């Protein structure tokens, strides 16, 4: 199968190329960039030097669709909304890496993104690309809205507890730490390294747009309305996300009870790892150990004094939070084993 990446100059596009070039079941035939057309892709993604002689091409839709069976749209939010319908009309499958097709309610785009969605009909057709929650739908999908990185970590850390009905659904607080690559390749004053290094900066502390995804997906797991408080922090690392989630139990539980809840949902999930040990420096999830992998490390601690549960979820934001999850969805859509091209372990030390 031939695949392409539209918008390949950014970090997500580069990570997609890194995964797709050696993928044993697909051929990366096309990667586009308007500003870098004609340049070797290793000009912007130097880790791919020696792996490919592929060059960036202009984003010509007809040429892209002639050479591809499936396309990843890796463009900024708001740029895919008009492109995706054109791609679908040609009959090829699309995995959109932006937020443009993640939300089901078109009014949510007015609320959370500040613009009106021009193709609300496609929102119902699009499948939210989280395999642990929508695997069978993804297999049949023509359009995937790939989840946000902080959304992915928070949803997968919370889903078993919400589904089991053991926590208060209106008292959930997610405190999320994210590395600088989550801000994209073009720095702003706030994301510029001299301003970010050495600090921990809360940002968009209320009403972050990823709340829409988190609540949308968690509300599919329960009849009780789920409300999540969500605050991200920019921290001094390049890759990685740690979501620390505070929730309150309806009734006291012990450690064995919580293990059963998580295992009942994730015991057969290859990319979910349980991390709760009493030895070594990594006793709970740490994004450092997920770098370069598609794994989600989840763990928890109980606080009997306040009847609180702390859930932890760690991912690599460019892998499981973006490109790795996109390739996982591609494998499902094309009928390949879900882990194909994603079986590498992480690095240690890092």
Protein backbone atom coordinates (compact mmCIF):
# COMPACT_ATOMS: atom_id res chain seq x y z
CA UNK A 1 0.00 0.00 0.00
CA UNK A 2 1.25 3.47 -0.88
CA UNK A 3 0.93 6.23 1.69
CA UNK A 4 1.65 9.95 1.77
CA UNK A 5 2.08 12.76 4.28
CA UNK A 6 0.63 16.18 3.54
CA UNK A 7 2.43 18.77 5.62
CA UNK A 8 5.64 16.88 6.27
CA UNK A 9 7.94 19.67 7.44
CA UNK A 10 6.90 19.72 11.11
CA UNK A 11 7.79 17.41 13.97
CA UNK A 12 4.73 15.20 13.46
CA UNK A 13 5.44 14.91 9.72
CA UNK A 14 9.05 14.00 10.43
CA UNK A 15 8.06 11.38 12.96
CA UNK A 16 5.55 9.91 10.52
CA UNK A 17 8.31 9.63 7.91
CA UNK A 18 10.61 7.95 10.45
CA UNK A 19 7.95 5.31 11.11
CA UNK A 20 6.69 4.84 7.55
CA UNK A 21 10.02 4.56 5.71
CA UNK A 22 10.99 1.22 7.33
CA UNK A 23 7.39 -0.01 7.73
CA UNK A 24 7.28 -3.52 6.20
CA UNK A 25 3.76 -3.24 4.75
CA UNK A 26 3.62 0.24 3.20
CA UNK A 27 5.66 2.48 0.94
CA UNK A 28 5.99 6.19 1.69
CA UNK A 29 5.67 7.66 -1.81
CA UNK A 30 4.88 11.30 -1.11
CA UNK A 31 5.64 13.91 1.52
CA UNK A 32 4.63 17.49 0.85
CA UNK A 33 5.82 20.90 1.96
CA UNK A 34 4.97 24.13 0.19
CA UNK A 35 7.99 26.02 1.52
CA UNK A 36 10.50 23.18 1.11
CA UNK A 37 9.43 21.61 -2.21
CA UNK A 38 12.40 20.08 -4.03
CA UNK A 39 14.50 19.63 -0.90
CA UNK A 40 15.49 16.23 0.47
CA UNK A 41 13.37 15.49 3.53
CA UNK A 42 16.52 14.89 5.58
CA UNK A 43 17.22 18.60 5.16
CA UNK A 44 14.57 19.24 7.81
CA UNK A 45 14.63 15.80 9.45
CA UNK A 46 18.36 15.01 9.66
CA UNK A 47 17.79 11.74 11.52
CA UNK A 48 16.50 10.35 8.18
CA UNK A 49 19.78 10.96 6.34
CA UNK A 50 20.76 7.67 4.70
CA UNK A 51 17.29 6.22 5.18
CA UNK A 52 15.67 7.80 2.12
CA UNK A 53 16.30 9.96 -0.92
CA UNK A 54 12.70 11.17 -0.94
CA UNK A 55 12.18 14.89 -1.57
CA UNK A 56 9.41 17.22 -0.49
CA UNK A 57 6.87 17.94 -3.21
CA UNK A 58 4.30 20.75 -3.51
CA UNK A 59 0.88 19.94 -1.99
CA UNK A 60 -0.80 19.12 -5.31
CA UNK A 61 -3.90 17.12 -4.35
CA UNK A 62 -4.33 15.33 -7.68
CA UNK A 63 -0.72 14.13 -7.71
CA UNK A 64 -0.88 13.08 -4.07
CA UNK A 65 -4.01 11.01 -4.59
CA UNK A 66 -2.65 9.42 -7.78
CA UNK A 67 0.31 8.07 -5.83
CA UNK A 68 -1.34 7.11 -2.53
CA UNK A 69 -3.93 4.72 -1.10
CA UNK A 70 -3.94 6.46 2.29
CA UNK A 71 -2.85 9.94 3.33
CA UNK A 72 -1.85 11.48 6.64
CA UNK A 73 -2.84 15.15 6.88
CA UNK A 74 -0.26 16.66 9.25
CA UNK A 75 -1.18 20.32 9.05
CA UNK A 76 -1.95 22.94 11.71
CA UNK A 77 -5.41 23.09 13.27
CA UNK A 78 -7.92 24.71 10.94
CA UNK A 79 -6.02 23.82 7.77
CA UNK A 80 -7.36 20.29 7.24
CA UNK A 81 -11.04 21.11 7.41
CA UNK A 82 -11.33 22.00 3.70
CA UNK A 83 -8.63 19.63 2.45
CA UNK A 84 -10.03 16.43 3.92
CA UNK A 85 -13.30 16.43 1.90
CA UNK A 86 -11.27 16.84 -1.31
CA UNK A 87 -9.13 13.85 -0.39
CA UNK A 88 -12.12 11.68 0.53
CA UNK A 89 -13.81 12.45 -2.79
CA UNK A 90 -10.97 10.67 -4.58
CA UNK A 91 -11.66 7.47 -2.63
CA UNK A 92 -8.50 7.37 -0.53
CA UNK A 93 -8.46 6.99 3.23
CA UNK A 94 -7.39 9.88 5.44
CA UNK A 95 -5.85 10.11 8.90
CA UNK A 96 -6.06 13.72 10.04
CA UNK A 97 -3.43 14.58 12.65
CA UNK A 98 -5.01 17.96 13.48
CA UNK A 99 -8.02 18.68 15.68
CA UNK A 100 -10.29 19.41 12.72
CA UNK A 101 -12.20 16.10 12.79
CA UNK A 102 -11.83 14.97 16.41
CA UNK A 103 -15.02 16.40 17.86
CA UNK A 104 -18.50 15.11 17.06
CA UNK A 105 -20.50 18.21 17.94
CA UNK A 106 -19.85 21.00 15.40
CA UNK A 107 -20.75 23.60 18.01
CA UNK A 108 -17.71 22.50 20.02
CA UNK A 109 -15.49 24.07 17.37
CA UNK A 110 -17.10 27.45 18.04
CA UNK A 111 -16.67 26.94 21.78
CA UNK A 112 -13.16 25.50 21.97
CA UNK A 113 -11.43 26.61 18.76
CA UNK A 114 -13.21 29.84 17.87
CA UNK A 115 -14.26 28.93 14.34
CA UNK A 116 -17.30 27.38 12.67
CA UNK A 117 -16.86 23.90 11.19
CA UNK A 118 -17.79 23.94 7.51
CA UNK A 119 -18.26 20.17 7.10
CA UNK A 120 -20.32 19.02 10.10
CA UNK A 121 -21.57 15.99 8.16
CA UNK A 122 -18.05 14.56 8.11
CA UNK A 123 -17.73 14.87 11.88
CA UNK A 124 -20.22 12.04 12.24
CA UNK A 125 -18.33 9.91 9.71
CA UNK A 126 -14.93 10.51 11.30
CA UNK A 127 -13.71 8.04 13.92
CA UNK A 128 -11.77 9.21 16.95
CA UNK A 129 -8.45 7.44 16.53
CA UNK A 130 -7.91 5.88 19.96
CA UNK A 131 -7.66 2.11 19.31
CA UNK A 132 -8.30 1.07 22.92
CA UNK A 133 -11.71 2.76 22.71
CA UNK A 134 -12.67 2.54 19.02
CA UNK A 135 -10.76 -0.38 17.50
CA UNK A 136 -13.60 -1.94 15.52
CA UNK A 137 -14.77 1.43 14.18
CA UNK A 138 -11.22 2.31 13.11
CA UNK A 139 -10.96 -0.90 11.09
CA UNK A 140 -13.91 0.20 8.94
CA UNK A 141 -13.14 3.93 8.81
CA UNK A 142 -12.34 6.10 5.82
CA UNK A 143 -11.54 9.14 7.99
CA UNK A 144 -9.73 9.19 11.33
CA UNK A 145 -9.42 12.19 13.61
CA UNK A 146 -6.20 11.39 15.44
CA UNK A 147 -6.42 12.37 19.14
CA UNK A 148 -4.50 15.18 20.76
CA UNK A 149 -1.41 14.29 22.75
CA UNK A 150 -2.51 15.52 26.19
CA UNK A 151 -5.99 14.16 25.51
CA UNK A 152 -4.57 10.70 24.79
CA UNK A 153 -2.64 10.53 28.05
CA UNK A 154 -5.52 11.82 30.15
CA UNK A 155 -8.26 9.72 28.54
CA UNK A 156 -6.33 6.46 28.83
CA UNK A 157 -5.35 7.18 32.42
CA UNK A 158 -8.98 7.81 33.39
CA UNK A 159 -11.04 5.50 31.16
CA UNK A 160 -11.01 2.36 33.37
CA UNK A 161 -12.06 4.33 36.46
CA UNK A 162 -14.85 6.13 34.61
CA UNK A 163 -16.10 2.96 32.95
CA UNK A 164 -16.13 1.07 36.26
CA UNK A 165 -18.17 3.85 37.91
CA UNK A 166 -15.99 4.04 41.00
CA UNK A 167 -15.11 7.76 41.00
CA UNK A 168 -17.11 10.95 41.36
CA UNK A 169 -17.59 12.11 37.79
CA UNK A 170 -17.69 15.83 38.59
CA UNK A 171 -14.52 15.95 40.74
CA UNK A 172 -11.69 15.09 38.36
CA UNK A 173 -8.56 17.21 38.02
CA UNK A 174 -5.86 16.52 35.41
CA UNK A 175 -2.48 18.20 35.89
CA UNK A 176 -0.50 17.70 32.68
CA UNK A 177 3.22 18.29 32.05
CA UNK A 178 4.35 18.48 28.40
CA UNK A 179 7.66 18.82 26.57
CA UNK A 180 8.54 21.60 24.16
CA UNK A 181 8.01 19.57 20.97
CA UNK A 182 4.29 19.73 21.73
CA UNK A 183 4.41 23.41 20.77
CA UNK A 184 5.48 22.57 17.21
CA UNK A 185 8.50 23.43 15.11
CA UNK A 186 8.01 27.19 14.89
CA UNK A 187 8.80 28.81 18.24
CA UNK A 188 6.86 31.62 19.84
CA UNK A 189 8.20 33.92 22.51
CA UNK A 190 6.77 31.60 25.16
CA UNK A 191 8.12 28.39 23.60
CA UNK A 192 11.55 29.83 22.70
CA UNK A 193 14.19 27.78 24.54
CA UNK A 194 15.74 30.61 26.63
CA UNK A 195 12.26 31.45 27.96
CA UNK A 196 11.20 27.88 28.60
CA UNK A 197 14.37 26.19 29.87
CA UNK A 198 14.74 25.79 33.61
CA UNK A 199 11.10 26.53 34.36
CA UNK A 200 7.66 25.00 34.88
CA UNK A 201 5.08 27.29 33.28
CA UNK A 202 1.31 26.81 33.62
CA UNK A 203 -0.48 27.94 30.46
CA UNK A 204 -4.06 28.05 29.26
CA UNK A 205 -4.94 27.06 32.81
CA UNK A 206 -8.69 27.21 32.23
CA UNK A 207 -10.73 25.85 29.32
CA UNK A 208 -7.89 24.24 27.38
CA UNK A 209 -9.22 22.92 24.07
CA UNK A 210 -8.20 19.33 24.85
CA UNK A 211 -10.90 19.27 27.53
CA UNK A 212 -13.44 18.87 24.72
CA UNK A 213 -11.88 15.59 23.59
CA UNK A 214 -11.39 14.27 27.10
CA UNK A 215 -14.98 14.85 28.12
CA UNK A 216 -16.37 13.66 24.78
CA UNK A 217 -14.64 10.29 25.01
CA UNK A 218 -15.13 9.69 28.73
CA UNK A 219 -18.84 10.48 28.49
CA UNK A 220 -19.19 7.62 26.01
CA UNK A 221 -18.20 5.21 28.79
CA UNK A 222 -20.86 6.15 31.36
CA UNK A 223 -24.40 7.36 31.82
CA UNK A 224 -23.26 9.94 34.38
CA UNK A 225 -22.00 13.27 33.07
CA UNK A 226 -18.21 13.55 33.31
CA UNK A 227 -16.59 16.92 33.96
CA UNK A 228 -12.80 17.29 33.92
CA UNK A 229 -10.68 20.17 35.19
CA UNK A 230 -7.52 20.31 33.09
CA UNK A 231 -4.37 22.44 33.36
CA UNK A 232 -1.20 21.94 31.28
CA UNK A 233 2.33 22.96 32.24
CA UNK A 234 5.25 23.58 29.90
CA UNK A 235 8.30 21.84 31.37
CA UNK A 236 11.98 21.59 30.55
CA UNK A 237 12.01 18.46 28.39
CA UNK A 238 11.71 18.01 24.65
CA UNK A 239 9.49 14.94 24.37
CA UNK A 240 6.97 13.51 26.72
CA UNK A 241 3.74 14.01 28.64
CA UNK A 242 2.83 13.07 32.19
CA UNK A 243 -0.81 13.39 33.16
CA UNK A 244 -1.35 13.32 36.93
CA UNK A 245 -5.06 12.84 37.57
CA UNK A 246 -6.79 13.45 40.89
CA UNK A 247 -10.15 11.76 41.39
CA UNK A 248 -12.27 10.86 44.41
CA UNK A 249 -13.67 7.40 45.07
CA UNK A 250 -17.36 6.83 45.70
CA UNK A 251 -16.48 4.00 48.08
CA UNK A 252 -13.09 2.99 49.53
CA UNK A 253 -11.05 0.61 47.35
CA UNK A 254 -7.81 -1.22 48.00
CA UNK A 255 -4.92 -1.69 45.59
CA UNK A 256 -6.16 -5.08 44.38
CA UNK A 257 -9.54 -3.62 43.50
CA UNK A 258 -7.96 -0.90 41.37
CA UNK A 259 -5.63 -3.37 39.65
CA UNK A 260 -8.67 -5.41 38.64
CA UNK A 261 -10.35 -2.33 37.20
CA UNK A 262 -7.37 -1.40 35.04
CA UNK A 263 -6.65 -4.95 33.94
CA UNK A 264 -10.28 -5.62 33.04
CA UNK A 265 -9.98 -2.93 30.37
CA UNK A 266 -6.32 -3.11 29.35
CA UNK A 267 -5.03 -6.63 30.02
CA UNK A 268 -4.94 -7.50 26.30
CA UNK A 269 -3.73 -4.10 25.10
CA UNK A 270 -0.20 -4.40 23.74
CA UNK A 271 0.58 -0.70 24.05
CA UNK A 272 -0.63 -0.25 27.63
CA UNK A 273 1.97 -0.98 30.31
CA UNK A 274 1.22 -1.06 34.04
CA UNK A 275 3.84 0.73 36.11
CA UNK A 276 3.57 0.42 39.88
CA UNK A 277 6.69 -0.96 41.54
CA UNK A 278 8.40 -0.73 44.90
CA UNK A 279 11.98 -0.93 43.61
CA UNK A 280 14.16 1.24 41.40
CA UNK A 281 13.84 4.93 40.48
CA UNK A 282 10.88 4.46 38.11
CA UNK A 283 8.17 3.22 40.46
CA UNK A 284 5.39 5.12 38.65
CA UNK A 285 4.96 6.24 35.03
CA UNK A 286 7.63 8.60 33.73
CA UNK A 287 7.56 9.97 30.15
CA UNK A 288 11.33 9.54 29.91
CA UNK A 289 10.85 5.75 29.69
CA UNK A 290 8.29 6.03 26.87
CA UNK A 291 10.45 8.16 24.54
CA UNK A 292 10.51 6.86 20.99
CA UNK A 293 7.78 4.28 21.68
CA UNK A 294 4.04 3.93 21.21
CA UNK A 295 3.50 2.76 24.80
CA UNK A 296 1.21 4.31 27.36
CA UNK A 297 2.50 3.74 30.89
CA UNK A 298 -0.28 3.87 33.49
CA UNK A 299 -0.15 3.59 37.25
CA UNK A 300 -1.88 4.79 40.39
CA UNK A 301 -1.65 5.45 44.12
CA UNK A 302 -4.41 5.49 46.72
CA UNK A 303 -4.81 8.14 49.43
CA UNK A 304 -7.14 6.62 52.06
CA UNK A 305 -7.02 9.77 54.22
CA UNK A 306 -8.91 11.80 51.59
CA UNK A 307 -10.50 8.88 49.72
CA UNK A 308 -8.55 10.06 46.66
CA UNK A 309 -7.02 8.09 43.82
CA UNK A 310 -4.07 9.45 41.88
CA UNK A 311 -3.82 8.05 38.36
CA UNK A 312 -0.68 8.58 36.28
CA UNK A 313 -0.32 8.28 32.51
CA UNK A 314 2.92 8.85 30.58
CA UNK A 315 3.50 8.94 26.82
CA UNK A 316 5.84 10.28 24.17
CA UNK A 317 3.80 13.15 22.74
CA UNK A 318 5.18 12.75 19.20
CA UNK A 319 4.69 8.98 19.20
CA UNK A 320 1.61 7.79 21.09
CA UNK A 321 0.42 11.39 21.24
CA UNK A 322 0.57 11.81 17.47
CA UNK A 323 2.48 9.86 14.79
CA UNK A 324 2.70 6.48 16.52
CA UNK A 325 -1.01 6.50 17.23
CA UNK A 326 -1.63 7.52 13.62
CA UNK A 327 0.38 4.54 12.33
CA UNK A 328 -1.42 2.26 14.79
CA UNK A 329 -4.72 3.43 13.25
CA UNK A 330 -3.31 2.96 9.74
CA UNK A 331 -2.44 -0.64 10.53
CA UNK A 332 -5.99 -1.29 11.68
CA UNK A 333 -7.52 0.44 8.64
CA UNK A 334 -5.39 -1.54 6.19
CA UNK A 335 -5.82 -4.90 7.93
CA UNK A 336 -2.24 -5.27 9.22
CA UNK A 337 -1.27 -6.43 12.71
CA UNK A 338 -1.77 -3.44 14.96
CA UNK A 339 1.81 -3.40 16.22
CA UNK A 340 3.47 -3.47 12.78
CA UNK A 341 6.27 -0.93 12.57
CA UNK A 342 5.75 0.08 16.20
CA UNK A 343 7.42 -2.72 18.10
CA UNK A 344 10.58 -0.89 19.14
CA UNK A 345 11.42 -0.50 22.81
CA UNK A 346 12.56 2.79 24.31
CA UNK A 347 16.06 3.91 25.21
CA UNK A 348 17.75 3.83 28.60
CA UNK A 349 19.48 5.93 29.70
CA UNK A 350 18.05 8.83 27.75
